[in-house]
């Protein structure tokens, strides 16, 4: 084999190594961008129907604090949450809202948030009617041997029919308060961090929906 042929053989593996290195770098850089959404359904087409059985279609809407109010809105939301826990998403990271339709009529929303749990992040979703009342509850992600207790229909039914007014009577940080939220039973007493994490996630969810969607809609009327 000629020296020139040997040179070409040496160049090809080097070129391939460079190509794959660039490819790996590209995906490493792209991963944060692809993951930079606060909380979204893994299978929205089937999940939305399950959480809103009478729906016929949905539309994904993205919103963030940087688009709507910035620091002022962030501080307002944090104040309504009692100052804790801090929101996971930075100002410019979008939340995903699923607008739910029956025919051409919008009948509600499905929205989820991330919340710190006992062994990682909790992903908690609720479906809401146009007045902000919970129709269904769904935990998409939870770690721990007690996970099935929190994802059971029995636990989830305790949230159906509740609204932000119910959660405003209860401090999800201290566990003090009254009303329907205070009566919710923890299915896993050994997992208090996750229990209160779920309650905080739902309250966070309802406050975000009130500030970004329900209150603005009332202002238009």
N, C-alpha and C. Protein backbone atom coordinates (compact mmCIF):
# COMPACT_ATOMS: atom_id res chain seq x y z
N UNK A 1 0.85 -1.20 0.00
CA UNK A 1 0.00 0.00 0.00
C UNK A 1 0.89 1.25 0.00
N UNK A 2 0.47 2.21 -0.81
CA UNK A 2 1.29 3.42 -0.95
C UNK A 2 1.19 4.29 0.30
N UNK A 3 2.19 5.12 0.50
CA UNK A 3 2.14 6.05 1.65
C UNK A 3 0.89 6.92 1.61
N UNK A 4 0.47 7.30 0.39
CA UNK A 4 -0.72 8.16 0.25
C UNK A 4 -1.97 7.43 0.73
N UNK A 5 -2.07 6.13 0.41
CA UNK A 5 -3.23 5.34 0.84
C UNK A 5 -3.25 5.20 2.36
N UNK A 6 -2.06 4.96 2.94
CA UNK A 6 -1.98 4.87 4.39
C UNK A 6 -2.42 6.16 5.06
N UNK A 7 -2.07 7.27 4.45
CA UNK A 7 -2.45 8.58 4.98
C UNK A 7 -3.96 8.75 4.97
N UNK A 8 -4.60 8.30 3.84
CA UNK A 8 -6.06 8.42 3.74
C UNK A 8 -6.74 7.55 4.79
N UNK A 9 -6.21 6.33 5.04
CA UNK A 9 -6.78 5.44 6.05
C UNK A 9 -6.67 6.06 7.44
N UNK A 10 -5.61 6.76 7.70
CA UNK A 10 -5.42 7.39 9.01
C UNK A 10 -6.36 8.56 9.19
N UNK A 11 -6.65 9.26 8.09
CA UNK A 11 -7.50 10.45 8.16
C UNK A 11 -8.95 10.08 8.43
N UNK A 12 -9.42 8.97 7.82
CA UNK A 12 -10.83 8.60 7.94
C UNK A 12 -11.26 8.35 9.38
N UNK A 13 -10.54 7.50 10.17
CA UNK A 13 -10.92 7.32 11.57
C UNK A 13 -10.88 8.62 12.35
N UNK A 14 -9.90 9.46 12.08
CA UNK A 14 -9.80 10.74 12.78
C UNK A 14 -11.01 11.61 12.46
N UNK A 15 -11.39 11.59 11.17
CA UNK A 15 -12.56 12.39 10.77
C UNK A 15 -13.81 11.89 11.47
N UNK A 16 -13.97 10.57 11.56
CA UNK A 16 -15.14 10.01 12.24
C UNK A 16 -15.14 10.37 13.72
N UNK A 17 -13.97 10.32 14.35
CA UNK A 17 -13.88 10.69 15.77
C UNK A 17 -14.31 12.14 15.98
N UNK A 18 -13.86 13.00 15.10
CA UNK A 18 -14.22 14.42 15.20
C UNK A 18 -15.72 14.60 15.00
N UNK A 19 -16.28 13.86 14.02
CA UNK A 19 -17.72 13.97 13.73
C UNK A 19 -18.55 13.57 14.95
N UNK A 20 -18.20 12.42 15.55
CA UNK A 20 -18.97 11.95 16.71
C UNK A 20 -18.76 12.85 17.92
N UNK A 21 -17.57 13.41 18.05
CA UNK A 21 -17.32 14.33 19.16
C UNK A 21 -18.20 15.57 19.03
N UNK A 22 -18.31 16.07 17.80
CA UNK A 22 -19.16 17.24 17.55
C UNK A 22 -20.61 16.89 17.80
N UNK A 23 -21.02 15.67 17.40
CA UNK A 23 -22.40 15.24 17.58
C UNK A 23 -22.75 15.15 19.07
N UNK A 24 -21.85 14.55 19.84
CA UNK A 24 -22.07 14.45 21.29
C UNK A 24 -22.15 15.82 21.92
N UNK A 25 -21.27 16.73 21.51
CA UNK A 25 -21.28 18.09 22.05
C UNK A 25 -22.61 18.79 21.72
N UNK A 26 -23.09 18.56 20.49
CA UNK A 26 -24.34 19.20 20.07
C UNK A 26 -25.50 18.77 20.95
N UNK A 27 -25.61 17.44 21.17
CA UNK A 27 -26.72 16.95 21.99
C UNK A 27 -26.56 17.35 23.44
N UNK A 28 -25.33 17.44 23.91
CA UNK A 28 -25.11 17.89 25.29
C UNK A 28 -25.56 19.33 25.46
N UNK A 29 -25.32 20.14 24.44
CA UNK A 29 -25.74 21.54 24.51
C UNK A 29 -27.24 21.67 24.30
N UNK A 30 -27.80 20.79 23.47
CA UNK A 30 -29.23 20.88 23.17
C UNK A 30 -30.08 20.35 24.29
N UNK A 31 -29.55 19.41 25.09
CA UNK A 31 -30.35 18.78 26.14
C UNK A 31 -30.95 19.77 27.12
N UNK A 32 -30.18 20.75 27.65
CA UNK A 32 -30.79 21.70 28.56
C UNK A 32 -31.91 22.48 27.90
N UNK A 33 -31.75 22.83 26.63
CA UNK A 33 -32.78 23.59 25.95
C UNK A 33 -34.04 22.77 25.81
N UNK A 34 -33.87 21.46 25.45
CA UNK A 34 -35.03 20.61 25.29
C UNK A 34 -35.70 20.35 26.63
N UNK A 35 -34.91 20.33 27.72
CA UNK A 35 -35.47 20.04 29.03
C UNK A 35 -35.93 21.30 29.75
N UNK A 36 -35.70 22.45 29.16
CA UNK A 36 -35.98 23.72 29.83
C UNK A 36 -37.46 24.08 29.75
N UNK A 37 -38.30 23.19 30.23
CA UNK A 37 -39.72 23.43 30.38
C UNK A 37 -40.07 22.98 31.78
N UNK A 38 -40.84 23.78 32.48
CA UNK A 38 -41.06 23.51 33.89
C UNK A 38 -41.67 22.13 34.14
N UNK A 39 -42.77 21.79 33.49
CA UNK A 39 -43.40 20.50 33.72
C UNK A 39 -44.39 20.24 32.59
N UNK A 40 -44.25 19.10 31.92
CA UNK A 40 -45.17 18.78 30.83
C UNK A 40 -45.56 17.31 30.89
N UNK A 41 -46.71 17.00 30.34
CA UNK A 41 -47.20 15.63 30.31
C UNK A 41 -46.32 14.78 29.40
N UNK A 42 -46.06 13.55 29.81
CA UNK A 42 -45.28 12.65 28.98
C UNK A 42 -46.04 12.22 27.73
N UNK A 43 -47.34 12.00 27.90
CA UNK A 43 -48.18 11.54 26.78
C UNK A 43 -49.45 12.40 26.73
N UNK A 44 -49.31 13.66 26.30
CA UNK A 44 -50.44 14.58 26.38
C UNK A 44 -51.71 14.13 25.65
N UNK A 45 -51.56 13.47 24.52
CA UNK A 45 -52.74 13.07 23.76
C UNK A 45 -53.64 12.15 24.56
N UNK A 46 -53.06 11.17 25.24
CA UNK A 46 -53.86 10.26 26.05
C UNK A 46 -54.10 10.79 27.47
N UNK A 47 -53.12 11.52 28.02
CA UNK A 47 -53.26 12.02 29.39
C UNK A 47 -54.36 13.06 29.50
N UNK A 48 -54.47 13.95 28.52
CA UNK A 48 -55.50 14.99 28.58
C UNK A 48 -56.88 14.37 28.56
N UNK A 49 -57.07 13.38 27.70
CA UNK A 49 -58.38 12.70 27.64
C UNK A 49 -58.69 12.01 28.96
N UNK A 50 -57.69 11.41 29.57
CA UNK A 50 -57.89 10.72 30.85
C UNK A 50 -58.24 11.70 31.95
N UNK A 51 -57.60 12.88 31.95
CA UNK A 51 -57.84 13.88 32.98
C UNK A 51 -59.07 14.74 32.69
N UNK A 52 -59.50 14.75 31.43
CA UNK A 52 -60.67 15.52 31.02
C UNK A 52 -61.48 14.64 30.06
N UNK A 53 -62.23 13.65 30.57
CA UNK A 53 -62.88 12.64 29.73
C UNK A 53 -63.85 13.18 28.68
N UNK A 54 -64.46 14.34 28.94
CA UNK A 54 -65.43 14.86 27.97
C UNK A 54 -64.78 15.80 26.94
N UNK A 55 -63.45 15.83 26.90
CA UNK A 55 -62.77 16.72 25.95
C UNK A 55 -62.66 16.06 24.58
N UNK A 56 -62.51 16.90 23.56
CA UNK A 56 -62.34 16.40 22.19
C UNK A 56 -61.00 16.82 21.59
N UNK A 57 -60.38 17.86 22.16
CA UNK A 57 -59.08 18.31 21.67
C UNK A 57 -58.42 19.19 22.72
N UNK A 58 -57.16 19.53 22.48
CA UNK A 58 -56.44 20.41 23.38
C UNK A 58 -55.43 21.22 22.60
N UNK A 59 -54.98 22.30 23.22
CA UNK A 59 -53.95 23.16 22.63
C UNK A 59 -52.91 23.47 23.70
N UNK A 60 -51.63 23.33 23.35
CA UNK A 60 -50.55 23.62 24.29
C UNK A 60 -50.23 25.11 24.26
N UNK A 61 -50.16 25.72 25.43
CA UNK A 61 -49.85 27.14 25.57
C UNK A 61 -48.64 27.25 26.49
N UNK A 62 -47.68 28.08 26.12
CA UNK A 62 -46.47 28.25 26.92
C UNK A 62 -46.44 29.67 27.50
N UNK A 63 -46.11 29.76 28.78
CA UNK A 63 -46.02 31.08 29.42
C UNK A 63 -44.89 31.07 30.42
N UNK A 64 -44.36 32.24 30.72
CA UNK A 64 -43.27 32.36 31.67
C UNK A 64 -43.36 33.71 32.39
N UNK A 65 -42.66 33.81 33.49
CA UNK A 65 -42.66 35.07 34.25
C UNK A 65 -42.01 36.19 33.44
N UNK A 66 -41.00 35.87 32.67
CA UNK A 66 -40.32 36.90 31.89
C UNK A 66 -41.25 37.53 30.86
N UNK A 67 -42.24 36.78 30.40
CA UNK A 67 -43.20 37.30 29.43
C UNK A 67 -44.33 38.07 30.10
N UNK A 68 -44.62 37.72 31.33
CA UNK A 68 -45.81 38.29 31.99
C UNK A 68 -45.49 38.77 33.40
N UNK A 69 -44.92 39.93 33.51
CA UNK A 69 -44.75 40.54 34.82
C UNK A 69 -43.38 40.46 35.43
N UNK A 70 -42.52 39.54 34.96
CA UNK A 70 -41.15 39.47 35.45
C UNK A 70 -41.03 39.30 36.95
N UNK A 71 -40.06 39.99 37.53
CA UNK A 71 -39.79 39.88 38.97
C UNK A 71 -40.99 40.27 39.82
N UNK A 72 -41.74 41.27 39.36
CA UNK A 72 -42.90 41.73 40.14
C UNK A 72 -43.91 40.61 40.30
N UNK A 73 -44.21 39.92 39.20
CA UNK A 73 -45.15 38.81 39.25
C UNK A 73 -44.59 37.65 40.06
N UNK A 74 -43.29 37.38 39.92
CA UNK A 74 -42.66 36.29 40.67
C UNK A 74 -42.80 36.53 42.17
N UNK A 75 -42.50 37.75 42.63
CA UNK A 75 -42.58 38.07 44.06
C UNK A 75 -44.03 37.98 44.55
N UNK A 76 -44.96 38.35 43.69
CA UNK A 76 -46.37 38.28 44.06
C UNK A 76 -46.79 36.83 44.27
N UNK A 77 -46.38 35.95 43.34
CA UNK A 77 -46.71 34.53 43.46
C UNK A 77 -46.05 33.93 44.69
N UNK A 78 -44.79 34.24 44.93
CA UNK A 78 -44.09 33.70 46.09
C UNK A 78 -44.74 34.16 47.39
N UNK A 79 -45.22 35.40 47.41
CA UNK A 79 -45.89 35.91 48.61
C UNK A 79 -47.19 35.13 48.87
N UNK A 80 -47.91 34.80 47.80
CA UNK A 80 -49.15 34.04 47.95
C UNK A 80 -48.89 32.61 48.38
N UNK A 81 -47.67 32.14 48.11
CA UNK A 81 -47.29 30.79 48.53
C UNK A 81 -46.67 30.79 49.92
N UNK A 82 -46.65 31.94 50.57
CA UNK A 82 -46.09 32.02 51.90
C UNK A 82 -44.59 32.20 51.92
N UNK A 83 -44.02 32.56 50.78
CA UNK A 83 -42.59 32.77 50.71
C UNK A 83 -41.79 31.50 50.51
N UNK A 84 -42.43 30.34 50.59
CA UNK A 84 -41.74 29.05 50.42
C UNK A 84 -42.75 28.03 49.92
N UNK A 85 -42.31 27.07 49.14
CA UNK A 85 -40.94 26.91 48.66
C UNK A 85 -40.68 27.79 47.45
N UNK A 86 -39.41 28.01 47.15
CA UNK A 86 -39.06 28.80 45.98
C UNK A 86 -39.49 28.06 44.72
N UNK A 87 -39.85 28.81 43.71
CA UNK A 87 -40.23 28.20 42.44
C UNK A 87 -39.00 27.59 41.77
N UNK A 88 -39.19 26.43 41.15
CA UNK A 88 -38.08 25.75 40.50
C UNK A 88 -37.59 26.49 39.27
N UNK A 89 -38.51 26.91 38.42
CA UNK A 89 -38.14 27.41 37.10
C UNK A 89 -37.64 28.85 37.17
N UNK A 90 -36.56 29.17 36.48
CA UNK A 90 -36.12 30.56 36.34
C UNK A 90 -37.18 31.38 35.61
N UNK A 91 -36.99 32.69 35.63
CA UNK A 91 -38.00 33.57 35.05
C UNK A 91 -38.29 33.26 33.58
N UNK A 92 -37.27 32.89 32.83
CA UNK A 92 -37.45 32.72 31.39
C UNK A 92 -37.81 31.30 30.98
N UNK A 93 -37.93 30.37 31.92
CA UNK A 93 -38.29 29.00 31.58
C UNK A 93 -39.81 28.88 31.52
N UNK A 94 -40.34 28.40 30.40
CA UNK A 94 -41.80 28.38 30.23
C UNK A 94 -42.48 27.25 30.99
N UNK A 95 -43.69 27.54 31.42
CA UNK A 95 -44.61 26.52 31.92
C UNK A 95 -45.48 26.10 30.74
N UNK A 96 -45.99 24.87 30.80
CA UNK A 96 -46.87 24.38 29.75
C UNK A 96 -48.28 24.27 30.29
N UNK A 97 -49.21 24.87 29.58
CA UNK A 97 -50.62 24.76 29.93
C UNK A 97 -51.35 24.10 28.76
N UNK A 98 -52.21 23.15 29.10
CA UNK A 98 -53.02 22.48 28.07
C UNK A 98 -54.44 23.04 28.15
N UNK A 99 -54.81 23.82 27.15
CA UNK A 99 -56.18 24.32 27.05
C UNK A 99 -57.04 23.20 26.48
N UNK A 100 -58.12 22.89 27.16
CA UNK A 100 -58.93 21.74 26.80
C UNK A 100 -60.24 22.20 26.15
N UNK A 101 -60.61 21.53 25.06
CA UNK A 101 -61.80 21.92 24.30
C UNK A 101 -62.77 20.77 24.15
N UNK A 102 -64.04 21.12 24.08
CA UNK A 102 -65.10 20.20 23.70
C UNK A 102 -65.76 20.81 22.47
N UNK A 103 -65.43 20.25 21.32
CA UNK A 103 -65.82 20.92 20.08
C UNK A 103 -65.01 22.19 19.93
N UNK A 104 -65.70 23.29 19.72
CA UNK A 104 -65.02 24.59 19.60
C UNK A 104 -65.00 25.37 20.91
N UNK A 105 -65.56 24.80 21.94
CA UNK A 105 -65.70 25.51 23.22
C UNK A 105 -64.61 25.08 24.19
N UNK A 106 -63.91 26.06 24.77
CA UNK A 106 -62.90 25.76 25.79
C UNK A 106 -63.61 25.42 27.09
N UNK A 107 -63.29 24.25 27.66
CA UNK A 107 -63.99 23.79 28.85
C UNK A 107 -63.09 23.70 30.08
N UNK A 108 -61.79 23.91 29.92
CA UNK A 108 -60.93 23.85 31.09
C UNK A 108 -59.46 23.78 30.74
N UNK A 109 -58.67 23.40 31.73
CA UNK A 109 -57.22 23.37 31.59
C UNK A 109 -56.63 22.14 32.27
N UNK A 110 -55.45 21.76 31.82
CA UNK A 110 -54.62 20.78 32.53
C UNK A 110 -53.27 21.44 32.71
N UNK A 111 -52.78 21.45 33.94
CA UNK A 111 -51.51 22.13 34.22
C UNK A 111 -50.77 21.39 35.32
N UNK A 112 -49.44 21.34 35.21
CA UNK A 112 -48.63 20.67 36.22
C UNK A 112 -47.44 21.50 36.65
N UNK A 113 -46.91 21.19 37.83
CA UNK A 113 -45.73 21.88 38.35
C UNK A 113 -44.76 20.87 38.95
N UNK A 114 -43.51 21.28 39.04
CA UNK A 114 -42.49 20.51 39.74
C UNK A 114 -42.42 20.97 41.20
N UNK A 115 -42.15 20.01 42.07
CA UNK A 115 -42.02 20.33 43.49
C UNK A 115 -41.00 19.38 44.11
N UNK A 116 -40.21 19.87 45.02
CA UNK A 116 -39.22 19.03 45.70
C UNK A 116 -39.92 17.98 46.55
N UNK A 117 -39.51 16.72 46.36
CA UNK A 117 -40.06 15.62 47.13
C UNK A 117 -39.02 15.02 48.06
N UNK A 118 -39.36 13.91 48.67
CA UNK A 118 -38.47 13.28 49.64
C UNK A 118 -37.23 12.67 48.96
N UNK A 119 -37.42 12.11 47.78
CA UNK A 119 -36.32 11.49 47.06
C UNK A 119 -36.22 12.00 45.62
N UNK A 120 -36.45 13.28 45.42
CA UNK A 120 -36.37 13.83 44.07
C UNK A 120 -37.55 14.72 43.76
N UNK A 121 -37.73 14.99 42.49
CA UNK A 121 -38.76 15.93 42.05
C UNK A 121 -40.12 15.23 41.93
N UNK A 122 -41.15 15.92 42.42
CA UNK A 122 -42.53 15.49 42.21
C UNK A 122 -43.07 16.24 41.00
N UNK A 123 -43.81 15.54 40.14
CA UNK A 123 -44.50 16.18 39.01
C UNK A 123 -46.00 15.99 39.24
N UNK A 124 -46.68 17.09 39.57
CA UNK A 124 -48.08 17.02 39.99
C UNK A 124 -48.96 17.83 39.05
N UNK A 125 -50.00 17.18 38.51
CA UNK A 125 -50.92 17.81 37.58
C UNK A 125 -52.33 17.83 38.14
N UNK A 126 -53.09 18.85 37.73
CA UNK A 126 -54.52 18.87 37.99
C UNK A 126 -55.23 19.31 36.72
N UNK A 127 -56.46 18.84 36.55
CA UNK A 127 -57.32 19.40 35.51
C UNK A 127 -58.33 20.30 36.21
N UNK A 128 -58.61 21.44 35.57
CA UNK A 128 -59.45 22.47 36.18
C UNK A 128 -60.56 22.87 35.22
N UNK A 129 -61.74 23.15 35.77
CA UNK A 129 -62.79 23.70 34.91
C UNK A 129 -62.57 25.20 34.74
N UNK A 130 -63.46 25.86 34.07
CA UNK A 130 -63.26 27.27 33.75
C UNK A 130 -63.37 28.18 34.98
N UNK A 131 -63.83 27.63 36.10
CA UNK A 131 -63.93 28.42 37.32
C UNK A 131 -62.76 28.14 38.28
N UNK A 132 -61.88 27.21 37.89
CA UNK A 132 -60.73 26.91 38.73
C UNK A 132 -60.95 25.80 39.74
N UNK A 133 -61.98 24.99 39.53
CA UNK A 133 -62.26 23.86 40.41
C UNK A 133 -61.56 22.62 39.89
N UNK A 134 -60.93 21.86 40.79
CA UNK A 134 -60.19 20.67 40.39
C UNK A 134 -61.16 19.57 39.96
N UNK A 135 -60.95 19.04 38.77
CA UNK A 135 -61.75 17.93 38.25
C UNK A 135 -61.02 16.60 38.39
N UNK A 136 -59.69 16.62 38.28
CA UNK A 136 -58.90 15.39 38.39
C UNK A 136 -57.50 15.73 38.87
N UNK A 137 -56.85 14.75 39.44
CA UNK A 137 -55.53 14.91 40.05
C UNK A 137 -54.63 13.80 39.52
N UNK A 138 -53.37 14.14 39.24
CA UNK A 138 -52.46 13.15 38.64
C UNK A 138 -51.03 13.43 39.06
N UNK A 139 -50.37 12.43 39.66
CA UNK A 139 -48.94 12.52 39.94
C UNK A 139 -48.22 11.75 38.85
N UNK A 140 -47.46 12.45 38.05
CA UNK A 140 -46.73 11.82 36.95
C UNK A 140 -45.40 11.22 37.43
N UNK A 141 -44.82 11.84 38.45
CA UNK A 141 -43.51 11.38 38.92
C UNK A 141 -43.42 11.49 40.43
N UNK A 142 -43.02 10.38 41.05
CA UNK A 142 -42.75 10.35 42.49
C UNK A 142 -41.84 9.16 42.76
N UNK A 143 -40.88 9.34 43.64
CA UNK A 143 -39.95 8.26 43.98
C UNK A 143 -40.25 7.77 45.39
N UNK A 144 -39.87 6.53 45.66
CA UNK A 144 -40.09 5.98 46.98
C UNK A 144 -41.02 4.78 46.92
N UNK A 145 -40.89 3.89 47.89
CA UNK A 145 -41.69 2.66 47.92
C UNK A 145 -43.17 2.93 48.13
N UNK A 146 -43.51 4.14 48.62
CA UNK A 146 -44.90 4.50 48.89
C UNK A 146 -45.57 5.18 47.70
N UNK A 147 -44.88 5.25 46.58
CA UNK A 147 -45.41 5.99 45.44
C UNK A 147 -46.82 5.60 45.05
N UNK A 148 -47.12 4.30 45.05
CA UNK A 148 -48.45 3.85 44.63
C UNK A 148 -49.55 4.33 45.56
N UNK A 149 -49.20 4.58 46.81
CA UNK A 149 -50.21 5.09 47.75
C UNK A 149 -50.64 6.50 47.36
N UNK A 150 -49.69 7.29 46.86
CA UNK A 150 -50.00 8.66 46.45
C UNK A 150 -50.67 8.72 45.08
N UNK A 151 -50.39 7.75 44.23
CA UNK A 151 -51.00 7.75 42.89
C UNK A 151 -52.31 6.97 42.85
N UNK A 152 -52.76 6.47 43.98
CA UNK A 152 -54.00 5.68 44.02
C UNK A 152 -55.21 6.59 43.82
N UNK A 153 -56.28 6.08 43.18
CA UNK A 153 -57.51 6.86 43.00
C UNK A 153 -58.09 7.35 44.32
N UNK A 154 -57.95 6.55 45.37
CA UNK A 154 -58.51 6.93 46.67
C UNK A 154 -57.89 8.23 47.17
N UNK A 155 -56.57 8.35 47.05
CA UNK A 155 -55.90 9.58 47.48
C UNK A 155 -56.28 10.74 46.57
N UNK A 156 -56.30 10.51 45.28
CA UNK A 156 -56.59 11.57 44.32
C UNK A 156 -57.98 12.14 44.43
N UNK A 157 -58.95 11.30 44.80
CA UNK A 157 -60.34 11.76 44.90
C UNK A 157 -60.51 12.83 45.97
N UNK A 158 -59.61 12.89 46.93
CA UNK A 158 -59.73 13.90 48.00
C UNK A 158 -59.57 15.33 47.48
N UNK A 159 -58.97 15.49 46.30
CA UNK A 159 -58.73 16.82 45.75
C UNK A 159 -59.82 17.29 44.79
N UNK A 160 -60.63 16.36 44.32
CA UNK A 160 -61.67 16.70 43.36
C UNK A 160 -62.70 17.63 44.01
N UNK A 161 -62.99 18.74 43.34
CA UNK A 161 -63.95 19.70 43.85
C UNK A 161 -63.33 20.84 44.64
N UNK A 162 -62.04 20.72 44.95
CA UNK A 162 -61.36 21.80 45.68
C UNK A 162 -60.93 22.91 44.73
N UNK A 163 -60.69 24.09 45.29
CA UNK A 163 -60.25 25.24 44.51
C UNK A 163 -59.21 26.01 45.31
N UNK A 164 -58.74 27.10 44.74
CA UNK A 164 -57.74 27.92 45.42
C UNK A 164 -58.24 28.43 46.77
N UNK A 165 -59.53 28.74 46.87
CA UNK A 165 -60.07 29.23 48.14
C UNK A 165 -59.86 28.22 49.27
N UNK A 166 -59.97 26.95 48.93
CA UNK A 166 -59.75 25.91 49.95
C UNK A 166 -58.29 25.89 50.39
N UNK A 167 -57.38 26.05 49.46
CA UNK A 167 -55.95 26.01 49.79
C UNK A 167 -55.49 27.28 50.49
N UNK A 168 -56.19 28.38 50.31
CA UNK A 168 -55.83 29.62 50.98
C UNK A 168 -56.12 29.54 52.48
N UNK A 169 -56.92 28.58 52.89
CA UNK A 169 -57.23 28.40 54.31
C UNK A 169 -56.22 27.48 55.00
N UNK A 170 -55.24 27.03 54.22
CA UNK A 170 -54.30 26.04 54.76
C UNK A 170 -52.88 26.43 54.40
N UNK A 171 -51.98 26.42 55.38
CA UNK A 171 -50.56 26.73 55.17
C UNK A 171 -49.83 25.44 54.80
N UNK A 172 -49.46 25.30 53.54
CA UNK A 172 -48.83 24.07 53.09
C UNK A 172 -47.37 23.95 53.53
N UNK A 173 -46.83 24.98 54.15
CA UNK A 173 -45.47 24.90 54.69
C UNK A 173 -45.47 24.39 56.13
N UNK A 174 -46.40 24.91 56.94
CA UNK A 174 -46.45 24.52 58.35
C UNK A 174 -47.42 23.39 58.61
N UNK A 175 -48.34 23.17 57.68
CA UNK A 175 -49.36 22.13 57.89
C UNK A 175 -50.49 22.58 58.79
N UNK A 176 -50.59 23.89 58.99
CA UNK A 176 -51.64 24.42 59.86
C UNK A 176 -52.74 25.05 59.01
N UNK A 177 -53.97 24.90 59.48
CA UNK A 177 -55.09 25.49 58.76
C UNK A 177 -56.36 24.73 59.05
N UNK A 178 -57.37 25.05 58.27
CA UNK A 178 -58.68 24.42 58.48
C UNK A 178 -59.33 24.15 57.13
N UNK A 179 -60.50 23.55 57.20
CA UNK A 179 -61.24 23.31 55.98
C UNK A 179 -60.93 21.96 55.34
N UNK A 180 -61.29 21.86 54.06
CA UNK A 180 -61.20 20.58 53.34
C UNK A 180 -59.75 20.11 53.14
N UNK A 181 -58.82 21.04 52.94
CA UNK A 181 -57.43 20.63 52.73
C UNK A 181 -56.85 20.04 54.00
N UNK A 182 -57.20 20.62 55.14
CA UNK A 182 -56.70 20.11 56.42
C UNK A 182 -57.23 18.70 56.70
N UNK A 183 -58.35 18.35 56.07
CA UNK A 183 -58.94 17.03 56.30
C UNK A 183 -58.38 15.95 55.38
N UNK A 184 -57.52 16.32 54.42
CA UNK A 184 -56.95 15.34 53.49
C UNK A 184 -56.03 14.39 54.26
N UNK A 185 -56.21 13.10 54.01
CA UNK A 185 -55.47 12.07 54.74
C UNK A 185 -54.19 11.70 54.01
N UNK A 186 -53.09 11.70 54.74
CA UNK A 186 -51.81 11.27 54.19
C UNK A 186 -51.81 9.75 54.06
N UNK A 187 -51.67 9.20 52.85
CA UNK A 187 -51.73 7.74 52.67
C UNK A 187 -50.46 7.03 53.12
N UNK A 188 -49.39 7.79 53.36
CA UNK A 188 -48.10 7.20 53.75
C UNK A 188 -47.48 8.07 54.84
N UNK A 189 -47.84 7.84 56.11
CA UNK A 189 -47.31 8.67 57.20
C UNK A 189 -45.78 8.72 57.25
N UNK A 190 -45.12 7.70 56.70
CA UNK A 190 -43.66 7.69 56.69
C UNK A 190 -43.08 8.62 55.64
N UNK A 191 -43.94 9.21 54.83
CA UNK A 191 -43.48 10.08 53.74
C UNK A 191 -44.13 11.46 53.85
N UNK A 192 -43.95 12.10 55.00
CA UNK A 192 -44.55 13.42 55.20
C UNK A 192 -44.01 14.45 54.23
N UNK A 193 -42.72 14.34 53.89
CA UNK A 193 -42.13 15.31 52.95
C UNK A 193 -42.86 15.27 51.62
N UNK A 194 -43.17 14.08 51.13
CA UNK A 194 -43.89 13.97 49.86
C UNK A 194 -45.34 14.42 50.00
N UNK A 195 -45.95 14.12 51.14
CA UNK A 195 -47.34 14.52 51.35
C UNK A 195 -47.48 16.04 51.30
N UNK A 196 -46.66 16.73 52.07
CA UNK A 196 -46.73 18.19 52.07
C UNK A 196 -46.21 18.76 50.75
N UNK A 197 -45.30 18.03 50.10
CA UNK A 197 -44.84 18.45 48.78
C UNK A 197 -45.97 18.44 47.77
N UNK A 198 -46.82 17.41 47.83
CA UNK A 198 -47.97 17.33 46.93
C UNK A 198 -48.94 18.49 47.19
N UNK A 199 -49.21 18.77 48.46
CA UNK A 199 -50.11 19.87 48.79
C UNK A 199 -49.55 21.21 48.32
N UNK A 200 -48.24 21.40 48.51
CA UNK A 200 -47.61 22.65 48.05
C UNK A 200 -47.66 22.75 46.53
N UNK A 201 -47.46 21.62 45.86
CA UNK A 201 -47.50 21.62 44.39
C UNK A 201 -48.88 22.03 43.88
N UNK A 202 -49.91 21.51 44.50
CA UNK A 202 -51.27 21.86 44.05
C UNK A 202 -51.57 23.33 44.31
N UNK A 203 -51.17 23.81 45.49
CA UNK A 203 -51.40 25.23 45.78
C UNK A 203 -50.62 26.10 44.81
N UNK A 204 -49.37 25.74 44.53
CA UNK A 204 -48.56 26.48 43.56
C UNK A 204 -49.25 26.48 42.19
N UNK A 205 -49.76 25.33 41.81
CA UNK A 205 -50.46 25.18 40.54
C UNK A 205 -51.64 26.14 40.47
N UNK A 206 -52.45 26.14 41.52
CA UNK A 206 -53.66 26.97 41.54
C UNK A 206 -53.33 28.46 41.57
N UNK A 207 -52.29 28.84 42.29
CA UNK A 207 -51.89 30.25 42.34
C UNK A 207 -51.39 30.72 40.97
N UNK A 208 -50.56 29.90 40.32
CA UNK A 208 -50.08 30.25 38.98
C UNK A 208 -51.24 30.40 38.00
N UNK A 209 -52.18 29.48 38.05
CA UNK A 209 -53.32 29.55 37.14
C UNK A 209 -54.17 30.79 37.43
N UNK A 210 -54.31 31.12 38.70
CA UNK A 210 -55.10 32.30 39.06
C UNK A 210 -54.44 33.58 38.55
N UNK A 211 -53.14 33.70 38.76
CA UNK A 211 -52.43 34.92 38.37
C UNK A 211 -52.31 35.07 36.85
N UNK A 212 -52.02 33.97 36.17
CA UNK A 212 -51.74 34.05 34.74
C UNK A 212 -52.97 33.91 33.85
N UNK A 213 -54.05 33.27 34.37
CA UNK A 213 -55.17 33.00 33.48
C UNK A 213 -56.53 33.42 34.04
N UNK A 214 -56.88 32.95 35.22
CA UNK A 214 -58.22 33.25 35.72
C UNK A 214 -58.42 34.73 36.03
N UNK A 215 -57.46 35.35 36.72
CA UNK A 215 -57.58 36.77 37.03
C UNK A 215 -57.60 37.64 35.78
N UNK A 216 -56.73 37.42 34.81
CA UNK A 216 -56.80 38.20 33.56
C UNK A 216 -58.12 38.03 32.82
N UNK A 217 -58.67 36.80 32.85
CA UNK A 217 -59.95 36.58 32.17
C UNK A 217 -61.07 37.35 32.86
N UNK A 218 -61.02 37.38 34.20
CA UNK A 218 -62.04 38.14 34.94
C UNK A 218 -61.93 39.63 34.62
N UNK A 219 -60.69 40.09 34.42
CA UNK A 219 -60.49 41.51 34.10
C UNK A 219 -61.05 41.90 32.76
N UNK A 220 -61.16 40.95 31.86
CA UNK A 220 -61.71 41.25 30.53
C UNK A 220 -63.23 41.34 30.52
N UNK A 221 -63.85 40.75 31.57
CA UNK A 221 -65.31 40.71 31.59
C UNK A 221 -65.92 42.05 32.00
